[in-house]
Protein backbone atom coordinates (compact mmCIF):
# COMPACT_ATOMS: atom_id res chain seq x y z
CA UNK A 1 -0.97 -0.96 46.83
CA UNK A 2 -0.54 0.67 43.39
CA UNK A 3 -3.57 1.82 42.11
CA UNK A 4 -2.41 3.52 38.89
CA UNK A 5 -4.22 2.61 35.63
CA UNK A 6 -2.13 0.10 33.56
CA UNK A 7 -3.46 1.67 30.32
CA UNK A 8 -3.84 5.31 29.49
CA UNK A 9 -6.99 7.09 29.42
CA UNK A 10 -8.46 7.62 25.94
CA UNK A 11 -7.75 11.02 24.34
CA UNK A 12 -10.31 13.86 24.75
CA UNK A 13 -13.35 13.33 22.74
CA UNK A 14 -12.55 9.53 22.22
CA UNK A 15 -15.83 7.62 23.33
CA UNK A 16 -13.94 4.34 23.24
CA UNK A 17 -16.47 2.56 25.50
CA UNK A 18 -19.62 3.64 23.65
CA UNK A 19 -18.15 1.91 20.50
CA UNK A 20 -18.20 -1.62 22.32
CA UNK A 21 -14.57 -1.07 23.49
CA UNK A 22 -13.50 -0.15 20.11
CA UNK A 23 -11.64 3.13 19.46
CA UNK A 24 -13.67 4.96 16.92
CA UNK A 25 -11.64 6.56 13.87
CA UNK A 26 -14.40 8.93 12.95
CA UNK A 27 -15.55 12.26 14.10
CA UNK A 28 -13.97 15.61 14.83
CA UNK A 29 -11.88 14.36 17.72
CA UNK A 30 -9.91 11.83 15.63
CA UNK A 31 -9.61 14.34 12.61
CA UNK A 32 -8.20 17.06 14.90
CA UNK A 33 -5.67 14.98 16.59
CA UNK A 34 -5.07 11.38 15.23
CA UNK A 35 -1.66 11.10 16.78
CA UNK A 36 -3.21 11.23 20.18
CA UNK A 37 -5.40 8.25 19.13
CA UNK A 38 -2.40 6.22 17.82
CA UNK A 39 -0.52 6.81 20.96
CA UNK A 40 -3.53 5.44 22.91
CA UNK A 41 -3.90 2.40 20.38
CA UNK A 42 -0.36 1.35 20.76
CA UNK A 43 -0.95 0.23 24.36
CA UNK A 44 -3.08 -2.47 22.96
CA UNK A 45 -0.02 -3.94 21.20
CA UNK A 46 0.94 -4.16 17.65
CA UNK A 47 -2.94 -4.40 16.67
CA UNK A 48 -5.84 -2.60 18.05
CA UNK A 49 -9.66 -2.97 17.86
CA UNK A 50 -11.21 0.16 16.09
CA UNK A 51 -14.54 1.29 14.61
CA UNK A 52 -14.33 2.91 11.14
CA UNK A 53 -17.84 4.19 11.05
CA UNK A 54 -20.90 3.45 13.30
CA UNK A 55 -21.21 -0.43 13.32
CA UNK A 56 -18.13 -1.11 11.12
CA UNK A 57 -15.45 -2.90 13.12
CA UNK A 58 -11.85 -3.55 12.19
CA UNK A 59 -8.43 -4.52 13.57
CA UNK A 60 -5.77 -1.80 12.99
CA UNK A 61 -2.15 -2.71 12.73
CA UNK A 62 -0.21 0.17 14.35
CA UNK A 63 3.38 -1.40 14.51
CA UNK A 64 5.83 -0.92 11.77
CA UNK A 65 7.26 -4.52 11.72
CA UNK A 66 3.76 -6.11 12.10
CA UNK A 67 2.58 -3.97 9.29
CA UNK A 68 5.52 -5.07 6.97
CA UNK A 69 4.70 -8.64 7.79
CA UNK A 70 1.08 -8.36 6.89
CA UNK A 71 1.68 -6.47 3.79
CA UNK A 72 4.20 -8.90 2.53
CA UNK A 73 2.20 -12.12 3.43
CA UNK A 74 -0.08 -12.68 0.49
CA UNK A 75 -0.61 -16.42 1.47
CA UNK A 76 -2.09 -15.61 4.89
CA UNK A 77 -3.92 -12.29 4.18
CA UNK A 78 -6.03 -11.68 1.11
CA UNK A 79 -7.26 -8.52 -0.72
CA UNK A 80 -10.48 -9.76 -2.33
CA UNK A 81 -13.13 -7.80 -0.36
CA UNK A 82 -15.80 -10.44 -1.25
CA UNK A 83 -14.20 -12.31 1.77
CA UNK A 84 -15.32 -9.57 4.18
CA UNK A 85 -17.09 -11.59 6.91
CA UNK A 86 -19.31 -8.75 8.49
CA UNK A 87 -20.52 -7.40 5.26
CA UNK A 88 -21.36 -11.04 4.06
CA UNK A 89 -23.25 -11.48 7.27
CA UNK A 90 -25.39 -8.53 6.80
CA UNK A 91 -23.80 -6.65 9.81
CA UNK A 92 -22.88 -3.58 7.80
CA UNK A 93 -25.40 -1.43 6.07
CA UNK A 94 -24.65 -1.13 2.24
CA UNK A 95 -25.12 2.61 2.60
CA UNK A 96 -22.27 2.90 5.34
CA UNK A 97 -20.03 5.79 4.42
CA UNK A 98 -16.86 3.50 4.26
CA UNK A 99 -18.32 0.86 2.08
CA UNK A 100 -17.68 2.64 -1.36
CA UNK A 101 -13.94 2.67 -0.28
CA UNK A 102 -13.79 -0.95 0.95
CA UNK A 103 -16.27 -2.71 -1.11
CA UNK A 104 -15.02 -5.21 -3.97
CA UNK A 105 -14.35 -3.77 -7.42
CA UNK A 106 -12.85 -5.75 -10.35
CA UNK A 107 -9.46 -4.15 -10.28
CA UNK A 108 -6.01 -5.05 -9.14
CA UNK A 109 -6.47 -3.51 -5.62
CA UNK A 110 -8.99 -6.21 -4.81
CA UNK A 111 -7.48 -9.22 -6.47
CA UNK A 112 -4.91 -11.97 -5.29
CA UNK A 113 -2.36 -14.22 -6.97
CA UNK A 114 -2.08 -14.55 -10.86
CA UNK A 115 -5.26 -12.33 -11.61
CA UNK A 116 -3.62 -9.46 -9.39
CA UNK A 117 -0.24 -10.01 -11.23
CA UNK A 118 -1.90 -9.74 -14.49
CA UNK A 119 -3.97 -6.60 -13.78
CA UNK A 120 -1.08 -4.87 -11.87
CA UNK A 121 1.53 -5.55 -14.52
CA UNK A 122 -0.60 -3.87 -17.11
CA UNK A 123 -0.89 -0.70 -14.96
CA UNK A 124 2.74 -0.89 -14.02
CA UNK A 125 3.99 -1.26 -17.62
CA UNK A 126 1.73 1.60 -18.91
CA UNK A 127 2.56 4.08 -16.17
CA UNK A 128 6.26 3.35 -16.82
CA UNK A 129 5.79 4.59 -20.42
CA UNK A 130 4.96 8.12 -19.19
CA UNK A 131 7.72 10.45 -20.17
CA UNK A 132 8.98 12.28 -17.09
CA UNK A 133 9.55 15.58 -18.96
CA UNK A 134 6.12 15.39 -20.28
CA UNK A 135 4.69 14.84 -16.83
CA UNK A 136 6.71 17.91 -15.43
CA UNK A 137 5.45 19.96 -18.40
CA UNK A 138 1.96 18.87 -17.95
CA UNK A 139 1.86 19.49 -14.14
CA UNK A 140 3.49 22.96 -14.69
CA UNK A 141 0.81 23.77 -17.28
CA UNK A 142 -1.90 22.82 -15.01
CA UNK A 143 -0.29 24.55 -12.01
CA UNK A 144 -0.13 27.81 -14.24
CA UNK A 145 -3.68 27.60 -15.30
CA UNK A 146 -4.92 27.00 -11.80
CA UNK A 147 -2.76 30.12 -10.44
CA UNK A 148 -4.23 32.14 -13.26
CA UNK A 149 -7.61 31.73 -11.84
CA UNK A 150 -6.84 33.16 -8.46
CA UNK A 151 -3.42 34.90 -8.80
CA UNK A 152 -4.83 38.34 -9.20
CA UNK A 153 -6.87 38.11 -6.04
CA UNK A 154 -3.90 37.89 -3.55
CA UNK A 155 -5.52 35.21 -1.68
CA UNK A 156 -6.76 31.67 -2.32
CA UNK A 157 -7.71 28.37 -0.73
CA UNK A 158 -4.67 26.26 -1.61
CA UNK A 159 -6.85 23.20 -1.15
CA UNK A 160 -9.92 23.92 -3.10
CA UNK A 161 -8.34 26.23 -5.54
CA UNK A 162 -5.24 24.16 -6.16
CA UNK A 163 -4.20 20.94 -4.53
CA UNK A 164 -7.59 19.47 -4.91
CA UNK A 165 -7.95 20.29 -8.71
CA UNK A 166 -4.30 19.69 -9.94
CA UNK A 167 -4.18 15.96 -9.80
CA UNK A 168 -7.55 15.58 -11.57
CA UNK A 169 -6.29 17.66 -14.46
CA UNK A 170 -2.84 16.03 -14.65
CA UNK A 171 -4.52 12.46 -14.63
CA UNK A 172 -7.06 13.52 -17.18
CA UNK A 173 -4.13 14.43 -19.41
CA UNK A 174 -2.29 11.19 -18.68
CA UNK A 175 -5.32 9.04 -19.61
CA UNK A 176 -6.09 11.15 -22.80
CA UNK A 177 -9.53 12.65 -21.74
CA UNK A 178 -11.15 14.95 -24.33
CA UNK A 179 -12.98 17.79 -22.95
CA UNK A 180 -16.62 16.36 -22.33
CA UNK A 181 -15.27 13.10 -20.88
CA UNK A 182 -12.78 15.03 -18.83
CA UNK A 183 -15.52 17.29 -17.27
CA UNK A 184 -17.48 14.24 -16.23
CA UNK A 185 -14.40 12.54 -14.65
CA UNK A 186 -13.73 15.65 -12.65
CA UNK A 187 -17.43 15.93 -11.59
CA UNK A 188 -17.49 12.18 -10.66
CA UNK A 189 -14.32 12.10 -8.45
CA UNK A 190 -14.97 15.31 -6.76
CA UNK A 191 -18.55 14.18 -5.91
CA UNK A 192 -17.24 10.82 -4.58
CA UNK A 193 -14.77 12.35 -2.13
CA UNK A 194 -16.87 15.35 -1.16
CA UNK A 195 -19.80 13.02 -0.23
CA UNK A 196 -22.31 15.13 -2.29
CA UNK A 197 -24.65 12.79 -4.01
CA UNK A 198 -21.80 10.17 -4.14
CA UNK A 199 -23.91 7.36 -5.79
CA UNK A 200 -24.78 9.71 -8.80
CA UNK A 201 -21.06 10.90 -8.85
CA UNK A 202 -19.83 7.20 -9.08
CA UNK A 203 -22.41 6.48 -11.81
CA UNK A 204 -21.13 9.66 -13.79
CA UNK A 205 -17.39 8.65 -13.38
CA UNK A 206 -17.96 5.12 -14.55
CA UNK A 207 -20.16 6.26 -17.43
CA UNK A 208 -17.35 8.67 -18.57
CA UNK A 209 -14.54 6.11 -18.30
CA UNK A 210 -16.72 3.59 -20.29
CA UNK A 211 -17.08 6.19 -23.08
CA UNK A 212 -13.19 6.82 -22.89
CA UNK A 213 -12.50 3.23 -23.39
CA UNK A 214 -14.73 3.07 -26.36
CA UNK A 215 -13.07 6.23 -27.83
CA UNK A 216 -9.53 4.84 -27.44
CA UNK A 217 -10.54 1.38 -29.03
CA UNK A 218 -11.52 3.54 -32.02
CA UNK A 219 -8.77 6.10 -31.92
CA UNK A 220 -5.82 5.15 -29.78
CA UNK A 221 -3.26 7.79 -28.84
CA UNK A 222 -0.08 8.36 -26.87
CA UNK A 223 -1.79 8.04 -23.46
CA UNK A 224 -2.14 5.57 -20.68
CA UNK A 225 -5.58 4.37 -21.71
CA UNK A 226 -4.38 3.30 -25.05
CA UNK A 227 -1.10 1.67 -23.61
CA UNK A 228 -3.39 -0.44 -21.29
CA UNK A 229 -5.25 -1.52 -24.28
CA UNK A 230 -2.24 -2.59 -26.10
CA UNK A 231 -0.60 -4.30 -23.12
CA UNK A 232 -0.20 -8.06 -23.39
CA UNK A 233 -2.54 -8.52 -20.59
CA UNK A 234 -5.42 -8.12 -23.21
CA UNK A 235 -7.73 -6.40 -20.77
CA UNK A 236 -11.53 -6.58 -21.71
CA UNK A 237 -13.55 -3.43 -21.86
CA UNK A 238 -14.86 -4.13 -18.43
CA UNK A 239 -11.31 -4.63 -17.09
CA UNK A 240 -10.19 -1.48 -18.74
CA UNK A 241 -12.90 0.56 -16.98
CA UNK A 242 -12.13 -0.78 -13.64
CA UNK A 243 -8.46 -0.28 -14.16
CA UNK A 244 -8.76 3.28 -15.33
CA UNK A 245 -11.27 4.26 -12.57
CA UNK A 246 -8.78 2.86 -10.03
CA UNK A 247 -5.96 4.88 -11.65
CA UNK A 248 -8.11 8.05 -11.57
CA UNK A 249 -9.48 7.71 -8.02
CA UNK A 250 -6.45 6.34 -6.42
CA UNK A 251 -4.17 8.86 -8.18
CA UNK A 252 -6.37 11.84 -6.96
CA UNK A 253 -7.35 11.61 -3.35
CA UNK A 254 -3.73 10.68 -2.11
CA UNK A 255 -2.12 13.13 -4.35
CA UNK A 256 -4.45 15.95 -3.39
CA UNK A 257 -3.61 15.35 0.34
CA UNK A 258 0.09 14.95 -0.30
CA UNK A 259 0.11 18.34 -2.14
CA UNK A 260 -1.96 19.98 0.43
CA UNK A 261 -0.18 18.48 3.36
CA UNK A 262 3.29 19.34 2.10
CA UNK A 263 2.17 23.00 1.39
CA UNK A 264 0.84 23.00 4.87
CA UNK A 265 4.07 21.91 6.33
CA UNK A 266 6.04 24.50 4.32
CA UNK A 267 3.80 27.29 5.44
CA UNK A 268 3.73 26.26 9.26
CA UNK A 269 7.24 25.19 9.60
CA UNK A 270 9.98 28.12 9.65
CA UNK A 271 12.79 25.71 9.17
CA UNK A 272 12.01 25.19 5.46
CA UNK A 273 11.79 29.03 4.84
CA UNK A 274 10.16 28.33 1.54
CA UNK A 275 13.48 27.34 -0.10
CA UNK A 276 13.07 25.31 -3.22
CA UNK A 277 15.84 22.91 -2.34
CA UNK A 278 13.93 21.84 0.79
CA UNK A 279 10.92 20.74 -1.07
CA UNK A 280 12.08 17.05 -1.35
CA UNK A 281 12.75 17.26 2.37
CA UNK A 282 9.34 18.57 3.20
CA UNK A 283 7.78 15.87 0.98
CA UNK A 284 9.54 13.21 2.82
CA UNK A 285 8.60 14.68 6.27
CA UNK A 286 5.08 14.77 5.09
CA UNK A 287 5.02 11.18 4.17
CA UNK A 288 6.55 10.19 7.45
CA UNK A 289 4.48 12.24 9.79
CA UNK A 290 1.29 13.32 7.97
CA UNK A 291 0.83 10.74 5.22
CA UNK A 292 -1.98 11.39 2.66
CA UNK A 293 -3.80 7.98 3.48
CA UNK A 294 -3.37 7.43 7.08
CA UNK A 295 -5.21 4.11 7.54
CA UNK A 296 -6.02 1.63 4.54
CA UNK A 297 -4.52 -1.47 2.85
CA UNK A 298 -7.54 -3.56 3.75
CA UNK A 299 -6.70 -7.23 4.13
CA UNK A 300 -8.71 -10.39 5.12
CA UNK A 301 -7.19 -13.53 6.79
CA UNK A 302 -7.50 -16.51 4.62
CA UNK A 303 -8.30 -18.72 7.63
CA UNK A 304 -8.68 -18.33 11.42
CA UNK A 305 -5.21 -17.40 12.82
CA UNK A 306 -3.21 -15.67 15.33
CA UNK A 307 -1.39 -12.55 14.16
CA UNK A 308 0.76 -10.23 16.26
CA UNK A 309 -0.75 -11.56 19.48
CA UNK A 310 -4.36 -11.04 18.21
CA UNK A 311 -6.83 -13.90 17.22
CA UNK A 312 -8.43 -13.24 13.87
CA UNK A 313 -11.18 -15.00 12.24
CA UNK A 314 -11.29 -15.71 8.49
CA UNK A 315 -12.64 -12.80 6.63
CA UNK A 316 -11.99 -10.22 9.38
CA UNK A 317 -11.40 -6.73 8.23
CA UNK A 318 -7.79 -5.74 9.03
CA UNK A 319 -6.28 -2.31 8.07
CA UNK A 320 -2.79 -0.96 8.32
CA UNK A 321 -2.22 2.44 10.03
CA UNK A 322 0.68 3.93 7.94
CA UNK A 323 0.66 6.99 10.25
CA UNK A 324 0.74 5.11 13.38
CA UNK A 325 3.54 2.82 12.05
CA UNK A 326 5.49 5.64 10.61
CA UNK A 327 5.50 7.64 13.95
CA UNK A 328 6.03 4.65 16.32
CA UNK A 329 9.01 4.91 18.80
CA UNK A 330 10.87 2.28 17.02
CA UNK A 331 11.21 4.26 13.89
CA UNK A 332 12.83 7.23 15.28
CA UNK A 333 16.41 5.43 15.20
CA UNK A 334 15.67 4.58 11.57
CA UNK A 335 15.03 8.19 10.49
CA UNK A 336 17.89 9.59 12.49
CA UNK A 337 20.24 6.90 10.67
CA UNK A 338 19.18 8.55 7.41
CA UNK A 339 16.76 6.08 6.18
CA UNK A 340 14.45 8.85 5.12
CA UNK A 341 12.33 6.84 2.69
CA UNK A 342 11.66 3.83 4.70
CA UNK A 343 8.18 4.92 5.60
CA UNK A 344 5.07 2.99 4.66
CA UNK A 345 3.07 5.97 3.02
CA UNK A 346 3.21 4.05 -0.30
CA UNK A 347 2.33 0.72 1.49
CA UNK A 348 4.66 -2.21 0.80
CA UNK A 349 4.58 -5.73 -0.51
CA UNK A 350 2.72 -6.84 -3.71
CA UNK A 351 0.14 -4.28 -3.53
CA UNK A 352 2.52 -1.27 -2.97
CA UNK A 353 1.64 1.88 -4.76
CA UNK A 354 2.67 1.40 -8.52
CA UNK A 355 2.80 5.04 -9.13
CA UNK A 356 4.85 6.54 -6.26
CA UNK A 357 7.50 8.02 -8.51
CA UNK A 358 5.10 9.88 -10.66
CA UNK A 359 3.06 10.93 -7.49
CA UNK A 360 6.16 12.35 -5.99
CA UNK A 361 7.26 14.18 -9.19
CA UNK A 362 3.79 15.70 -9.63
CA UNK A 363 3.86 16.95 -5.97
CA UNK A 364 7.43 18.37 -6.24
CA UNK A 365 6.54 20.28 -9.42
CA UNK A 366 3.29 21.60 -8.32
CA UNK A 367 4.72 22.77 -4.95
CA UNK A 368 7.75 24.24 -6.51
CA UNK A 369 5.88 25.91 -9.25
CA UNK A 370 3.58 27.48 -6.80
CA UNK A 371 6.26 28.89 -4.55
CA UNK A 372 7.94 30.28 -7.67
CA UNK A 373 4.94 32.08 -8.82
CA UNK A 374 3.95 33.15 -5.37
CA UNK A 375 7.19 33.61 -3.48
CA UNK A 376 5.75 35.39 -0.53
CA UNK A 377 2.68 33.25 0.01
CA UNK A 378 1.82 32.62 3.58
CA UNK A 379 -1.03 31.22 5.73
CA UNK A 380 -3.76 33.64 6.02
CA UNK A 381 -5.14 32.25 9.27
CA UNK A 382 -3.74 30.94 12.57
CA UNK A 383 -2.71 27.40 12.16
CA UNK A 384 -4.67 26.04 15.17
CA UNK A 385 -7.92 27.37 13.32
CA UNK A 386 -7.28 24.95 10.26
CA UNK A 387 -9.83 21.99 10.10
CA UNK A 388 -8.88 18.43 8.95
CA UNK A 389 -11.37 16.52 7.15
CA UNK A 390 -13.15 13.74 9.14
CA UNK A 391 -13.07 10.07 8.24
CA UNK A 392 -10.70 7.02 8.94
CA UNK A 393 -8.76 6.67 5.79
CA UNK A 394 -7.32 9.91 4.53
CA UNK A 395 -5.49 12.82 6.07
CA UNK A 396 -6.30 16.25 4.44
CA UNK A 397 -7.22 19.67 5.32
CA UNK A 398 -10.64 21.10 4.51
CA UNK A 399 -9.22 24.37 3.49
CA UNK A 400 -5.68 25.98 3.44
CA UNK A 401 -6.21 29.72 3.24
CA UNK A 402 -3.29 31.70 2.04
CA UNK A 403 -2.53 35.29 0.99
CA UNK A 404 0.20 36.73 -1.24
CA UNK A 405 1.17 39.69 -3.52
CA UNK A 406 -1.29 39.62 -6.39
CA UNK A 407 0.55 38.41 -9.45
CA UNK A 408 -2.01 38.78 -12.15
CA UNK A 409 -2.85 36.12 -14.93
CA UNK A 410 -0.65 33.50 -16.53
CA UNK A 411 -1.04 34.05 -20.31
CA UNK A 412 -0.82 30.66 -22.16
CA UNK A 413 0.58 27.37 -20.97
CA UNK A 414 4.19 28.28 -19.99
CA UNK A 415 4.54 32.16 -20.55
CA UNK A 416 5.56 34.86 -18.19
CA UNK A 417 3.04 36.38 -15.62
CA UNK A 418 1.32 39.48 -17.04
CA UNK A 419 -1.17 41.92 -15.67
CA UNK A 420 -4.86 41.12 -16.81
CA UNK A 421 -6.18 43.80 -19.18
CA UNK A 422 -8.07 46.42 -17.17
CA UNK A 423 -10.98 46.67 -19.72
CA UNK A 424 -11.38 43.57 -21.61
CA UNK A 425 -13.13 43.65 -24.98
CA UNK A 426 -16.67 42.54 -25.28
CA UNK A 427 -15.58 39.56 -27.52
CA UNK A 428 -13.10 38.65 -24.84
CA UNK A 429 -15.62 38.93 -22.06
CA UNK A 430 -18.14 37.02 -23.96
CA UNK A 431 -15.58 34.11 -24.59
CA UNK A 432 -14.76 34.17 -20.95
CA UNK A 433 -18.44 33.70 -19.94
CA UNK A 434 -18.65 30.59 -22.36
CA UNK A 435 -15.63 29.18 -20.77
CA UNK A 436 -17.18 29.82 -17.20
CA UNK A 437 -20.19 27.77 -18.20
CA UNK A 438 -18.08 24.92 -19.48
CA UNK A 439 -16.61 22.18 -17.22
CA UNK A 440 -13.31 22.78 -15.50
CA UNK A 441 -11.33 20.43 -17.75
CA UNK A 442 -12.91 22.21 -20.89
CA UNK A 443 -11.77 25.59 -19.42
CA UNK A 444 -8.26 24.28 -19.09
CA UNK A 445 -8.07 22.87 -22.59
CA UNK A 446 -9.51 26.23 -23.97
CA UNK A 447 -6.76 28.16 -21.86
CA UNK A 448 -3.92 25.93 -23.47
CA UNK A 449 -4.88 27.07 -26.84
CA UNK A 450 -5.06 30.78 -26.07
C-alpha cells in the first residue's frame, strides 16, 4: 500500500497547523522565502486558506485564471471593506497590524459601481495630464539630490537612502506640496509603513493633506491636486483628502519596492551587467517574479457562493496573490511566447492600477540615473545576508547595502558632478546646518534653488 503523503510538507518555519490549518503569511519564514509558501499553497487548488496576522483569516487566490476571473467580476465580488464579515462580527482586533491597510476609507479603492467610476475617473483624468517630460525631469532632479547626500561616501543603503525616499519626493512635486506640508507628508507616509507610531503618522498625513486641499482651493496651480479639484466629478473637500491620501500612499509603498527590487535584481544577476538597455527587461522580470505588492486586492463576496471550488460566505475576505499567480506553472508558456507584460503586478479589471505608466517611468528614470551616476555600484554584502521586510502584503528589502567609487556632490538640479569643497566657508556651513534641521522635502526645495 502506498503510504506517501498526498500533499507536500509545509515549508520550513511554516507553522500551518498552529494557525488552525491556515498558512500564515507573516513572520520571518514567509518573508525569507515566499515562493516556498506559494508552492505549498498551490496544492490546495486555485485558492488556499491563509492567516494574514494572528487571528486574521483570509482566502488567497493563487491561480492566474482564477485571479483574473475575480478581478474582473465586480458583480459577484465587491471592494467596500464595510462588508468585511469578521471585522463586523468583532473577531478582529481594531489594532491588528493589517487593519490600517484593509479597513474602509472613502476613496476609489474601497468603492463599487457608479461611485467608484466617479472617483476613479477623477484620478485617471488628472494623472493623464502629467507631462511625461516633466515627470522624467522631476524624477532626475530628486535622484540627483538623493545621490548628492551619499555620493561622496562611496557607500549607501539603496533602500533607505534612495528607493524609499524618491517616490515620496516625486509625488510631493506632482501634487504641489509646499515645504511645510511636504515635510509632514513625508513624515506621515514613512511612519505608516515603518510601523513607528503609525496612528500618529496617519493623523499627521491626513492633516497635511487637508491643509494642501485648503491651499489649492485658494491658490490652484499646475498640479494633480488642482486638476482633481477642477474635474467634472466635483469632489468635496473630504473626497479630495481621501483621493490624495490614496495617491500618496499607493504611489509610494509599491514604487519604493519596485525601485528597490529592480536594483536588487540588477545587482544580483550577472545577465544584466548593468547595461542601461536592459533596465526595461529588469523591471519586467521584477514585476513577474518579485512584484512590489505580492498579496493584496481585497474583495468580498456579495453573497454566499462557490468560487474556484471553494465555498465562500458573503463578506469573507478574499485576496489575490499577484506573486503566486505570476509564477504559477501555467504562466511559463506565456512568458516564453513573449507576453512579457501579461503579469498581474498592476492588478486587473476595474480596480487595476491607474498609474502604472507613470510608476514605470519613475522607476526606469530612477534606476537609469543611479547607474549612470554610479557606474560601478555593486552589492556590499553577500546576497544571502539580505533581509526582506515581514508582512503579507508588500515585497521589499529592509536594506540594500551598496558600494561604489565616491562621486562627490551634485551641484544644482541637473548639473555635472563636482567634488565638494574641502573647506566650506562658515556661511555655507551654517546654511547647511539650517537645512539639516529642516524636513527632508524642505531640504530638497532649498537644494533646487542653489
